[in-house]
Amino acid sequence: MYDQLKLLEKTILDIKKQYQLVSAELSSLKQNPVTNTQELTALQNKLNTSHTERDGAKKQLNDLDKRYQNLAEAHHMIGEEQDKLQKQISELKQQNNELQQHNKELKQQYHDIKQQNSDLQKKNQLAAERTQVVLKRLTRIDQAEG
């Protein structure tokens, strides 16, 4: 067990040494950071590229938003126009129904007048025939008297 404690103590001392070395190196790096210019340039370029992409995406988003607004407005206007046209269609259908009803009434009147005309023509023909009969009788009577 004594050996194990000595081993443990040695391990702790090694860890303390490593900690002091790492701590010293970290302190040194904090005070005098080592800059890798290539890596820094690459990171700066990557940052610039990401800013450019972000700006492009913002512009594209704004363009799409404007397009959406224009389409929404056009859709609204089309909806209003469609409502007006639907109202006109309803009015025209109503007018058409009224005109069809009026046309039906006029056709009935025409049919009635045609029937009256036919009846009057028959009466007129019958009257003409009777007049002929009466004229013939009168002619015979005149001839018989004369």
Protein backbone atom coordinates (compact mmCIF):
# COMPACT_ATOMS: atom_id res chain seq x y z
CA MET A 1 0.00 0.00 0.00
CA TYR A 2 2.92 2.29 0.76
CA ASP A 3 4.14 1.73 -2.79
CA GLN A 4 0.76 2.64 -4.15
CA LEU A 5 0.78 5.88 -2.20
CA LYS A 6 4.24 6.73 -3.50
CA LEU A 7 3.06 5.97 -7.03
CA LEU A 8 0.03 8.15 -6.50
CA GLU A 9 2.19 10.97 -5.12
CA LYS A 10 4.49 10.71 -8.14
CA THR A 11 1.50 10.81 -10.48
CA ILE A 12 0.17 13.88 -8.70
CA LEU A 13 3.56 15.59 -9.00
CA ASP A 14 3.71 14.76 -12.71
CA ILE A 15 0.23 16.17 -13.20
CA LYS A 16 1.22 19.35 -11.29
CA LYS A 17 4.30 19.72 -13.51
CA GLN A 18 2.23 19.31 -16.65
CA TYR A 19 -0.33 21.77 -15.29
CA GLN A 20 2.37 24.36 -14.59
CA LEU A 21 3.85 23.88 -18.09
CA VAL A 22 0.46 24.19 -19.77
CA SER A 23 -0.45 27.13 -17.56
CA ALA A 24 2.81 28.90 -18.40
CA GLU A 25 2.30 28.23 -22.12
CA LEU A 26 -1.27 29.48 -21.93
CA SER A 27 -0.19 32.63 -20.10
CA SER A 28 2.50 33.20 -22.71
CA LEU A 29 0.02 32.76 -25.55
CA LYS A 30 -2.42 35.14 -23.89
CA GLN A 31 0.25 37.83 -23.60
CA ASN A 32 1.85 37.26 -27.01
CA PRO A 33 -0.61 35.48 -29.29
CA VAL A 34 0.93 33.71 -32.24
CA THR A 35 -0.81 34.73 -35.41
CA ASN A 36 -0.85 32.59 -38.44
CA THR A 37 -1.35 35.14 -41.22
CA GLN A 38 -2.50 32.55 -43.75
CA GLU A 39 -5.09 31.16 -41.38
CA LEU A 40 -6.16 34.68 -40.39
CA THR A 41 -6.48 35.69 -44.06
CA ALA A 42 -8.45 32.55 -44.85
CA LEU A 43 -10.79 33.20 -41.93
CA GLN A 44 -11.18 36.86 -42.94
CA ASN A 45 -11.98 35.80 -46.54
CA LYS A 46 -14.47 33.26 -45.23
CA LEU A 47 -16.06 35.95 -43.06
CA ASN A 48 -16.25 38.36 -46.03
CA THR A 49 -17.75 35.63 -48.21
CA SER A 50 -20.37 34.84 -45.59
CA HIS A 51 -21.21 38.57 -45.29
CA THR A 52 -21.59 38.80 -49.08
CA GLU A 53 -23.79 35.70 -49.13
CA ARG A 54 -25.87 37.09 -46.28
CA ASP A 55 -26.30 40.43 -48.09
CA GLY A 56 -27.27 38.60 -51.29
CA ALA A 57 -29.76 36.49 -49.37
CA LYS A 58 -31.23 39.64 -47.76
CA LYS A 59 -31.60 41.29 -51.16
CA GLN A 60 -33.18 38.16 -52.58
CA LEU A 61 -35.55 38.01 -49.59
CA ASN A 62 -36.50 41.67 -50.09
CA ASP A 63 -37.09 41.07 -53.81
CA LEU A 64 -39.24 38.04 -53.05
CA ASP A 65 -41.17 40.00 -50.42
CA LYS A 66 -41.86 42.81 -52.91
CA ARG A 67 -42.95 40.26 -55.50
CA TYR A 68 -45.21 38.59 -52.94
CA GLN A 69 -46.75 41.96 -52.03
CA ASN A 70 -47.37 42.73 -55.72
CA LEU A 71 -48.90 39.30 -56.29
CA ALA A 72 -51.07 39.62 -53.19
CA GLU A 73 -52.31 43.01 -54.36
CA ALA A 74 -52.99 41.67 -57.86
CA HIS A 75 -54.81 38.69 -56.36
CA HIS A 76 -56.96 41.04 -54.28
CA MET A 77 -57.76 43.16 -57.34
CA ILE A 78 -58.60 40.07 -59.38
CA GLY A 79 -60.89 38.92 -56.56
CA GLU A 80 -62.70 42.26 -56.58
CA GLU A 81 -63.01 42.15 -60.37
CA GLN A 82 -64.29 38.58 -60.18
CA ASP A 83 -66.90 39.65 -57.63
CA LYS A 84 -68.04 42.47 -59.94
CA LEU A 85 -68.24 40.05 -62.87
CA GLN A 86 -70.20 37.54 -60.77
CA LYS A 87 -72.65 40.31 -59.85
CA GLN A 88 -72.98 41.28 -63.53
CA ILE A 89 -73.55 37.64 -64.44
CA SER A 90 -76.30 37.39 -61.83
CA GLU A 91 -77.93 40.58 -63.10
CA LEU A 92 -77.70 39.41 -66.71
CA LYS A 93 -79.21 36.04 -65.79
CA GLN A 94 -82.06 37.84 -64.06
CA GLN A 95 -82.58 40.09 -67.10
CA ASN A 96 -82.43 37.05 -69.37
CA ASN A 97 -85.08 35.27 -67.30
CA GLU A 98 -87.28 38.38 -67.41
CA LEU A 99 -86.81 38.69 -71.19
CA GLN A 100 -87.58 35.01 -71.70
CA GLN A 101 -90.76 35.42 -69.66
CA HIS A 102 -91.70 38.52 -71.66
CA ASN A 103 -90.91 36.65 -74.90
CA LYS A 104 -93.13 33.78 -73.74
CA GLU A 105 -95.95 36.23 -73.05
CA LEU A 106 -95.49 37.86 -76.47
CA LYS A 107 -95.55 34.45 -78.15
CA GLN A 108 -98.80 33.66 -76.33
CA GLN A 109 -100.25 37.02 -77.44
CA TYR A 110 -99.08 36.31 -81.00
CA HIS A 111 -100.71 32.88 -80.89
CA ASP A 112 -103.94 34.40 -79.50
CA ILE A 113 -103.96 37.13 -82.20
CA LYS A 114 -103.25 34.54 -84.89
CA GLN A 115 -106.15 32.45 -83.59
CA GLN A 116 -108.42 35.52 -83.55
CA ASN A 117 -107.29 36.37 -87.08
CA SER A 118 -108.02 32.82 -88.22
CA ASP A 119 -111.45 32.94 -86.57
CA LEU A 120 -112.16 36.35 -88.18
CA GLN A 121 -111.06 35.07 -91.59
CA LYS A 122 -113.45 32.12 -91.24
CA LYS A 123 -116.26 34.46 -90.20
CA ASN A 124 -115.37 36.79 -93.06
CA GLN A 125 -115.38 33.90 -95.53
CA LEU A 126 -118.71 32.66 -94.16
CA ALA A 127 -120.10 36.21 -94.38
CA ALA A 128 -118.78 36.49 -97.95
CA GLU A 129 -120.43 33.19 -98.85
CA ARG A 130 -123.71 34.29 -97.27
CA THR A 131 -123.46 37.60 -99.07
CA GLN A 132 -123.04 35.72 -102.35
CA VAL A 133 -126.09 33.59 -101.54
CA VAL A 134 -128.10 36.69 -100.64
CA LEU A 135 -126.90 38.47 -103.82
CA LYS A 136 -127.89 35.50 -105.93
CA ARG A 137 -131.32 35.38 -104.32
CA LEU A 138 -131.73 39.13 -104.77
CA THR A 139 -130.63 38.81 -108.35
CA ARG A 140 -133.22 36.07 -108.91
CA ILE A 141 -135.86 38.14 -107.20
CA ASP A 142 -134.98 41.15 -109.42
CA GLN A 143 -135.03 38.98 -112.49
CA ALA A 144 -138.32 37.44 -111.47
CA GLU A 145 -139.87 40.86 -110.97
CA GLY A 146 -138.40 42.34 -114.01
